[in-house]
Each structure stands twice: as C-alpha cells, then as structure tokens.
Protein backbone atom coordinates (compact mmCIF):
# COMPACT_ATOMS: atom_id res chain seq x y z
CA MET A 1 1.39 -2.45 28.06
CA ALA A 2 1.99 -5.92 29.43
CA ASP A 3 5.25 -7.92 29.11
CA ILE A 4 4.74 -9.42 25.72
CA GLN A 5 6.69 -12.31 24.33
CA ILE A 6 7.05 -13.56 20.72
CA ILE A 7 6.81 -17.45 20.22
CA SER A 8 7.31 -19.30 17.09
CA GLU A 9 5.50 -22.34 18.28
CA LEU A 10 2.12 -22.94 19.77
CA THR A 11 1.52 -25.20 22.71
CA ASP A 12 -1.66 -27.31 22.95
CA HIS A 13 -3.11 -24.60 25.19
CA HIS A 14 -1.99 -21.88 22.85
CA VAL A 15 -3.92 -23.74 20.03
CA LEU A 16 -7.16 -23.71 22.06
CA GLU A 17 -6.65 -20.07 22.75
CA LEU A 18 -6.12 -19.48 18.81
CA VAL A 19 -9.33 -21.26 18.23
CA GLU A 20 -11.05 -18.98 20.70
CA LEU A 21 -9.43 -15.83 18.88
CA TYR A 22 -10.87 -17.23 15.61
CA ARG A 23 -14.26 -17.46 16.99
CA ASN A 24 -14.40 -13.76 17.64
CA GLU A 25 -13.90 -13.01 13.81
CA PHE A 26 -16.23 -13.11 11.11
CA TRP A 27 -13.78 -14.41 8.77
CA SER A 28 -12.73 -17.60 10.92
CA LYS A 29 -15.47 -18.33 13.29
CA SER A 30 -16.09 -21.71 11.82
CA ARG A 31 -12.63 -22.96 12.23
CA THR A 32 -12.34 -26.14 14.36
CA CYS A 33 -9.65 -27.25 16.46
CA SER A 34 -8.58 -29.99 14.25
CA ASP A 35 -8.35 -28.04 11.17
CA VAL A 36 -6.38 -25.63 12.97
CA VAL A 37 -3.86 -28.03 14.19
CA LYS A 38 -3.46 -28.98 10.55
CA MET A 39 -3.38 -25.55 9.31
CA LEU A 40 -0.47 -24.77 11.87
CA ALA A 41 1.48 -27.89 10.74
CA ALA A 42 1.41 -26.65 7.05
CA SER A 43 2.42 -23.03 7.93
CA ASP A 44 6.00 -22.19 7.18
CA VAL A 45 6.39 -19.45 9.71
CA ILE A 46 4.18 -18.87 12.90
CA VAL A 47 4.30 -15.88 15.04
CA GLY A 48 2.54 -15.79 18.25
CA LEU A 49 2.45 -13.11 21.02
CA VAL A 50 1.91 -14.18 24.51
CA ASP A 51 1.47 -12.22 27.82
CA GLU A 52 3.10 -12.49 31.17
CA ARG A 53 0.69 -15.38 31.97
CA ASP A 54 1.66 -17.22 28.82
CA ARG A 55 -1.82 -16.64 27.30
CA LEU A 56 -1.99 -16.01 23.48
CA VAL A 57 -2.99 -12.42 22.69
CA GLY A 58 -1.80 -12.35 19.11
CA PHE A 59 -0.93 -14.53 16.15
CA THR A 60 0.04 -14.44 12.33
CA ARG A 61 1.33 -16.91 10.04
CA VAL A 62 3.11 -17.29 6.74
CA LEU A 63 3.33 -19.40 3.77
CA THR A 64 6.31 -18.95 1.82
CA ASP A 65 8.90 -20.31 -0.74
CA PHE A 66 11.47 -18.35 1.44
CA VAL A 67 12.83 -16.46 -1.73
CA TYR A 68 10.26 -15.01 -3.94
CA ARG A 69 6.85 -14.90 -2.41
CA ALA A 70 5.44 -14.91 1.08
CA THR A 71 1.74 -14.52 2.05
CA ILE A 72 0.82 -13.27 5.41
CA TYR A 73 -2.35 -14.91 6.90
CA ASP A 74 -4.68 -14.47 10.03
CA VAL A 75 -3.24 -11.51 11.63
CA ILE A 76 -5.29 -11.37 14.79
CA VAL A 77 -5.00 -9.55 18.12
CA LYS A 78 -7.08 -10.53 21.11
CA PRO A 79 -10.03 -7.74 21.41
CA THR A 80 -8.98 -6.97 24.96
CA HIS A 81 -5.44 -6.32 23.83
CA ARG A 82 -6.18 -4.22 20.67
CA GLN A 83 -4.88 -0.56 20.50
CA GLN A 84 -1.69 -1.44 22.27
CA GLY A 85 0.78 -1.96 19.27
CA LEU A 86 0.57 -5.75 18.94
CA GLY A 87 -0.52 -5.77 15.41
CA VAL A 88 2.71 -3.65 14.50
CA GLN A 89 4.59 -5.97 16.65
CA LEU A 90 3.30 -9.10 14.62
CA ILE A 91 3.88 -7.51 11.38
CA ASN A 92 7.37 -6.28 12.25
CA ALA A 93 8.29 -9.81 13.53
CA VAL A 94 6.99 -11.23 10.14
CA ILE A 95 8.87 -8.46 8.01
CA HIS A 96 12.09 -8.88 10.13
CA HIS A 97 12.04 -12.48 10.51
CA PRO A 98 15.51 -14.03 9.73
CA GLN A 99 14.05 -16.60 7.23
CA LEU A 100 11.81 -13.96 5.57
CA CYS A 101 13.91 -10.79 5.54
CA ASN A 102 15.13 -11.40 1.92
CA VAL A 103 11.78 -12.57 0.32
CA GLU A 104 11.19 -10.45 -2.84
CA GLN A 105 7.34 -9.99 -2.30
CA PHE A 106 4.86 -10.19 0.55
CA ALA A 107 1.21 -10.22 -0.02
CA LEU A 108 -1.83 -10.46 2.21
CA TYR A 109 -5.47 -10.27 2.34
CA CYS A 110 -7.35 -7.41 4.40
CA LEU A 111 -10.36 -5.45 4.49
CA PRO A 112 -10.11 -1.87 2.71
CA GLU A 113 -10.37 -0.29 6.39
CA MET A 114 -7.03 -2.05 7.20
CA PHE A 115 -5.03 -0.55 4.21
CA PRO A 116 -3.55 2.41 6.13
CA PHE A 117 -2.32 0.23 8.57
CA TYR A 118 -0.36 -2.14 6.34
CA GLU A 119 0.88 0.89 4.13
CA ARG A 120 3.46 1.88 6.60
CA TRP A 121 5.30 -1.42 5.74
CA GLY A 122 4.67 -0.53 1.95
CA PHE A 123 1.90 -2.85 1.23
CA CYS A 124 -0.44 -1.41 -1.46
CA ALA A 125 -3.65 -2.08 -3.06
CA ASP A 126 -2.63 -1.30 -6.48
CA THR A 127 -1.88 -4.74 -8.40
CA HIS A 128 -1.53 -3.10 -11.65
CA ASP A 129 -3.03 -5.51 -14.14
CA LEU A 130 -2.88 -8.78 -11.80
CA GLN A 131 -6.24 -10.01 -10.56
CA LEU A 132 -6.79 -12.24 -7.78
CA MET A 133 -8.79 -15.44 -8.58
CA PHE A 134 -10.52 -17.84 -6.21
CA ARG A 135 -11.69 -21.47 -6.35
CA GLY A 136 -13.89 -22.71 -3.53
CA GLN A 137 -14.50 -26.27 -2.29
CA GLN A 138 -16.34 -28.07 -5.21
CA SER A 139 -19.22 -29.98 -4.34
C-alpha cells in the first residue's frame, strides 16, 4: 500500500478531489463544489486520507456534540484504492479521534451489504424500538 497520511483539513485542491469522489457514488453524485464547501465548514470532525502525491483517496466526516452523540457521514474511498484497508483506517481514525474517543454513541447510515464491515467496531442494525424519521426539502 502507498504511503497514506491522515489529514484533518482539506485544501482547495482536496475539495475538488472530494467532489470528484462524490460524483462516483449513487448517493452523492449531484453534490456541487459550493455545497461541499458549506458542508465541510459545518462538519465537526473531518478525516481525509492523502497519498504520497497529496491526492485525496479517502474521506469521512462527523457531526457531534462531543459527549453523547456522533454521526459518521460520507465514508468514501477512491475506487482505485479500495480493498487496501483505507476504509478501516478512516473508521479507526474517527473512533480513536482524541475529541471523539469518549462519545457515548456513534451512528452512521449504510447499505445492508456494508453491515459486516461496520460490525467490527460494534455497530449494529438493531435499534430496538427506535425508528429513523426523515424530512426532505419541502417545496
């Protein structure tokens, strides 16, 4: 595996690379650069992975109160760099982050086929009687 570094802030060039990563995924292909910039500014913790040439190859972000709850969003690895342990590196960086390591509960959204990946950190799909509710943009 190439020499991968963890970063906590994205340069303008990294933001453009993140928008490109989003364009490859069904769940994020319509994201615009200006919206991504706003999103990053409002994220509490950012974890990026860059290669030896300072190219963004992995990313995730967290929204949190730093005590009780933290929600992990946008776990993404560049298609050419998958199956190299970078997703593991991203989640480990979040779970062991100095500002997050004492948070009571983490949550994340993922497809059912990703359940086994996240279960190694203790995530489970059993929410007991809790149900997730959504409200979309109202027209």
